[in-house]
N, C-alpha and C. Protein backbone atom coordinates (compact mmCIF):
# COMPACT_ATOMS: atom_id res chain seq x y z
N MET A 1 39.78 -18.33 -42.79
CA MET A 1 38.32 -17.72 -41.83
C MET A 1 38.12 -19.49 -41.50
N ALA A 2 38.09 -19.77 -40.19
CA ALA A 2 37.56 -20.77 -39.49
C ALA A 2 36.48 -21.00 -38.74
N ASP A 3 35.48 -21.83 -38.77
CA ASP A 3 34.06 -21.47 -37.78
C ASP A 3 34.57 -21.44 -36.41
N GLN A 4 33.75 -20.74 -35.56
CA GLN A 4 34.39 -20.85 -34.04
C GLN A 4 33.33 -20.98 -33.54
N GLN A 5 32.89 -21.69 -32.32
CA GLN A 5 31.86 -21.81 -31.29
C GLN A 5 31.88 -20.16 -30.96
N ILE A 6 30.38 -19.76 -30.45
CA ILE A 6 30.68 -18.55 -30.19
C ILE A 6 29.68 -18.02 -28.93
N GLY A 7 29.37 -18.97 -28.47
CA GLY A 7 28.39 -18.98 -27.41
C GLY A 7 28.80 -18.47 -25.73
N GLN A 8 30.25 -18.80 -25.53
CA GLN A 8 31.25 -17.43 -25.16
C GLN A 8 31.36 -16.25 -25.22
N LEU A 9 31.52 -16.03 -26.71
CA LEU A 9 31.39 -14.54 -27.24
C LEU A 9 30.37 -13.69 -27.04
N LEU A 10 29.15 -14.46 -27.16
CA LEU A 10 27.75 -13.60 -27.06
C LEU A 10 27.70 -13.73 -25.40
N ASP A 11 28.09 -14.30 -24.62
CA ASP A 11 28.08 -14.27 -22.73
C ASP A 11 28.91 -13.03 -22.31
N THR A 12 29.97 -13.02 -23.31
CA THR A 12 31.25 -11.92 -22.63
C THR A 12 30.17 -10.72 -23.28
N LEU A 13 29.69 -10.50 -24.40
CA LEU A 13 28.97 -9.16 -24.75
C LEU A 13 27.84 -9.00 -24.14
N GLY A 14 27.32 -9.87 -23.03
CA GLY A 14 25.92 -9.30 -22.03
C GLY A 14 24.72 -9.96 -22.95
N VAL A 15 24.73 -10.64 -24.06
CA VAL A 15 23.42 -11.20 -24.28
C VAL A 15 22.79 -11.94 -23.81
N THR A 16 21.25 -11.49 -23.77
CA THR A 16 20.63 -12.19 -22.75
C THR A 16 18.93 -12.44 -23.58
N ALA A 17 18.40 -12.87 -23.34
CA ALA A 17 16.98 -13.02 -23.92
C ALA A 17 16.08 -13.43 -22.83
N ASP A 18 14.57 -13.11 -22.93
CA ASP A 18 13.50 -13.05 -22.00
C ASP A 18 12.84 -14.58 -22.10
N LEU A 19 13.30 -15.56 -21.15
CA LEU A 19 12.88 -16.74 -21.30
C LEU A 19 12.18 -16.89 -20.27
N ASP A 20 11.20 -17.87 -20.50
CA ASP A 20 10.28 -18.37 -18.64
C ASP A 20 10.46 -19.84 -19.00
N ASP A 21 10.27 -20.10 -17.70
CA ASP A 21 10.85 -21.85 -17.31
C ASP A 21 10.18 -22.53 -17.92
N GLY A 22 10.63 -23.21 -18.67
CA GLY A 22 9.69 -24.48 -19.38
C GLY A 22 10.06 -24.43 -20.88
N ASP A 23 10.31 -23.04 -21.18
CA ASP A 23 10.81 -22.62 -22.51
C ASP A 23 11.72 -23.63 -23.53
N LEU A 24 11.42 -23.68 -24.49
CA LEU A 24 12.22 -24.90 -25.21
C LEU A 24 13.40 -23.85 -26.66
N VAL A 25 14.53 -23.67 -26.87
CA VAL A 25 15.02 -22.84 -27.79
C VAL A 25 15.21 -23.64 -28.78
N THR A 26 14.54 -23.64 -30.06
CA THR A 26 15.18 -24.74 -30.55
C THR A 26 15.96 -24.08 -32.11
N ASP A 27 15.85 -23.25 -32.23
CA ASP A 27 16.64 -22.20 -33.21
C ASP A 27 17.56 -20.89 -33.01
N ALA A 28 18.36 -20.56 -33.39
CA ALA A 28 18.76 -19.31 -33.41
C ALA A 28 20.04 -18.65 -34.79
N HIS A 29 19.49 -17.52 -34.83
CA HIS A 29 20.23 -16.74 -35.67
C HIS A 29 20.80 -15.65 -35.08
N VAL A 30 22.00 -15.65 -35.70
CA VAL A 30 22.86 -14.49 -34.79
C VAL A 30 23.47 -13.48 -35.92
N ILE A 31 23.49 -12.06 -35.86
CA ILE A 31 24.00 -11.32 -36.66
C ILE A 31 25.23 -10.35 -35.84
N LEU A 32 26.34 -11.01 -36.55
CA LEU A 32 27.32 -10.20 -35.70
C LEU A 32 27.97 -8.83 -36.49
N LYS A 33 28.08 -8.08 -35.97
CA LYS A 33 28.86 -6.71 -36.25
C LYS A 33 30.48 -7.11 -36.01
N VAL A 34 31.49 -7.11 -37.29
CA VAL A 34 32.50 -7.16 -36.81
C VAL A 34 33.42 -6.33 -37.48
N VAL A 35 34.58 -5.53 -36.43
CA VAL A 35 35.57 -4.89 -36.78
C VAL A 35 36.76 -5.99 -37.17
N LYS A 36 37.12 -5.75 -38.60
CA LYS A 36 38.45 -6.66 -38.85
C LYS A 36 39.21 -5.87 -38.23
N ALA A 37 40.90 -6.39 -38.49
CA ALA A 37 42.02 -6.31 -37.86
C ALA A 37 42.76 -4.79 -38.98
N ASP A 38 42.07 -4.82 -40.19
CA ASP A 38 42.47 -3.71 -40.74
C ASP A 38 41.37 -2.28 -40.31
N GLY A 39 40.46 -2.55 -40.09
CA GLY A 39 39.50 -1.13 -39.37
C GLY A 39 38.12 -1.37 -40.46
N GLU A 40 38.21 -2.51 -40.96
CA GLU A 40 37.16 -2.71 -41.86
C GLU A 40 35.92 -3.21 -41.07
N THR A 41 34.39 -2.34 -41.41
CA THR A 41 33.63 -3.46 -40.48
C THR A 41 32.78 -4.20 -41.37
N THR A 42 32.05 -5.34 -41.11
CA THR A 42 31.39 -6.11 -41.70
C THR A 42 30.45 -6.75 -40.80
N LEU A 43 29.24 -7.31 -41.55
CA LEU A 43 28.59 -7.83 -40.84
C LEU A 43 28.55 -9.50 -40.98
N ILE A 44 28.26 -10.74 -40.10
CA ILE A 44 28.56 -11.53 -40.44
C ILE A 44 27.08 -12.61 -39.84
N LYS A 45 26.98 -13.56 -40.39
CA LYS A 45 25.55 -14.11 -39.69
C LYS A 45 25.87 -15.58 -39.38
N ALA A 46 25.25 -16.05 -38.11
CA ALA A 46 25.71 -17.70 -37.81
C ALA A 46 24.39 -17.64 -37.24
N VAL A 47 24.10 -19.37 -37.74
CA VAL A 47 22.63 -19.97 -37.45
C VAL A 47 23.16 -21.21 -37.16
N SER A 48 22.17 -21.45 -35.83
CA SER A 48 22.13 -22.75 -35.58
C SER A 48 22.19 -24.24 -36.63
N GLU A 49 22.71 -25.26 -36.25
CA GLU A 49 22.90 -26.36 -36.75
C GLU A 49 21.61 -26.84 -37.75
N ALA A 50 20.63 -26.65 -37.20
CA ALA A 50 19.52 -27.43 -37.72
C ALA A 50 18.40 -26.23 -38.46
N LEU A 51 18.77 -24.82 -38.61
CA LEU A 51 17.84 -23.97 -39.04
C LEU A 51 18.14 -23.85 -40.46
N ASP A 52 16.87 -24.30 -40.89
CA ASP A 52 16.17 -24.66 -42.49
C ASP A 52 16.16 -22.85 -43.11
N TRP A 53 16.95 -21.93 -44.51
CA TRP A 53 16.65 -21.38 -44.75
C TRP A 53 15.09 -20.66 -44.59
N ILE A 54 14.00 -21.34 -45.16
CA ILE A 54 12.74 -20.66 -44.83
C ILE A 54 12.18 -20.14 -43.34
N THR A 55 12.82 -21.13 -42.62
CA THR A 55 12.53 -20.65 -40.90
C THR A 55 13.78 -19.46 -40.70
N ALA A 56 14.89 -19.34 -41.43
CA ALA A 56 16.14 -17.74 -41.17
C ALA A 56 15.43 -16.93 -41.64
N LEU A 57 14.66 -17.00 -43.03
CA LEU A 57 13.99 -15.72 -43.63
C LEU A 57 12.99 -15.49 -42.69
N GLY A 58 12.00 -16.23 -42.43
CA GLY A 58 11.16 -15.99 -41.44
C GLY A 58 11.42 -15.12 -39.89
N MET A 59 12.31 -15.51 -39.20
CA MET A 59 12.94 -14.92 -38.20
C MET A 59 13.33 -13.71 -38.16
N LEU A 60 13.95 -13.31 -39.51
CA LEU A 60 14.45 -12.06 -39.65
C LEU A 60 13.51 -10.95 -40.22
N THR A 61 12.60 -11.84 -40.84
CA THR A 61 11.34 -10.68 -40.93
C THR A 61 10.55 -10.39 -40.11
N ALA A 62 10.62 -11.29 -39.47
CA ALA A 62 9.78 -10.95 -37.93
C ALA A 62 10.75 -9.99 -37.01
N VAL A 63 11.62 -10.15 -36.96
CA VAL A 63 12.71 -9.60 -36.21
C VAL A 63 12.60 -8.30 -36.53
N VAL A 64 12.58 -7.55 -37.75
CA VAL A 64 12.55 -6.12 -39.00
C VAL A 64 11.10 -5.84 -38.08
N ALA A 65 10.35 -6.68 -38.25
CA ALA A 65 9.05 -5.93 -37.93
C ALA A 65 9.08 -6.08 -36.43
N ILE A 66 9.15 -6.51 -35.44
CA ILE A 66 9.34 -6.22 -33.95
C ILE A 66 10.11 -4.90 -34.12
N GLU A 67 11.83 -4.80 -34.66
CA GLU A 67 12.63 -3.40 -34.16
C GLU A 67 11.72 -2.17 -34.53
N ASN A 68 10.83 -2.54 -35.72
CA ASN A 68 10.14 -1.14 -36.34
C ASN A 68 9.31 -0.89 -35.78
N GLY A 69 8.74 -1.73 -34.73
CA GLY A 69 7.48 -1.47 -33.90
C GLY A 69 6.23 -1.73 -34.40
N ARG A 70 5.89 -2.73 -35.60
CA ARG A 70 4.91 -3.04 -36.33
C ARG A 70 4.34 -4.37 -35.73
N TYR A 71 5.34 -5.45 -35.05
CA TYR A 71 4.85 -6.40 -34.73
C TYR A 71 3.51 -6.50 -33.37
N VAL A 72 2.92 -6.88 -33.60
CA VAL A 72 1.55 -7.19 -32.49
C VAL A 72 1.12 -8.60 -32.44
N ASN A 73 1.34 -8.98 -31.14
CA ASN A 73 0.94 -10.17 -30.49
C ASN A 73 -0.42 -10.14 -30.56
N ILE A 74 -1.17 -10.91 -31.05
CA ILE A 74 -2.43 -10.82 -30.89
C ILE A 74 -2.87 -11.18 -29.17
N ALA A 75 -2.01 -12.39 -28.75
CA ALA A 75 -2.55 -12.87 -27.26
C ALA A 75 -2.22 -11.79 -26.47
N ASP A 76 -1.62 -10.77 -27.04
CA ASP A 76 -1.63 -9.41 -25.49
C ASP A 76 -1.83 -8.69 -25.73
N GLU A 77 -3.40 -8.57 -27.01
CA GLU A 77 -4.27 -7.65 -27.04
C GLU A 77 -5.16 -7.71 -25.95
N ASP A 78 -5.81 -6.57 -25.46
CA ASP A 78 -6.99 -6.56 -24.81
C ASP A 78 -8.43 -6.34 -25.67
N ASP A 79 -8.90 -7.43 -25.58
CA ASP A 79 -10.55 -7.21 -26.29
C ASP A 79 -11.64 -6.46 -25.54
């Protein structure tokens, strides 16, 4: 297996992000579901070049909380 750029693949899959003008994306952690030629299904992770392990772990932990509905953005709460 050889490393491949996946930007065009993500575009083809319709991957989008809710970004505001002026937002600066600094890291990416991508999880891909892949069906191999033999029909086996697997997961593959891809990360941006500068992403360190602790930030990657934090990003994964945060997205699990978001997906499970337990994440609350304090800035969005009404007092």
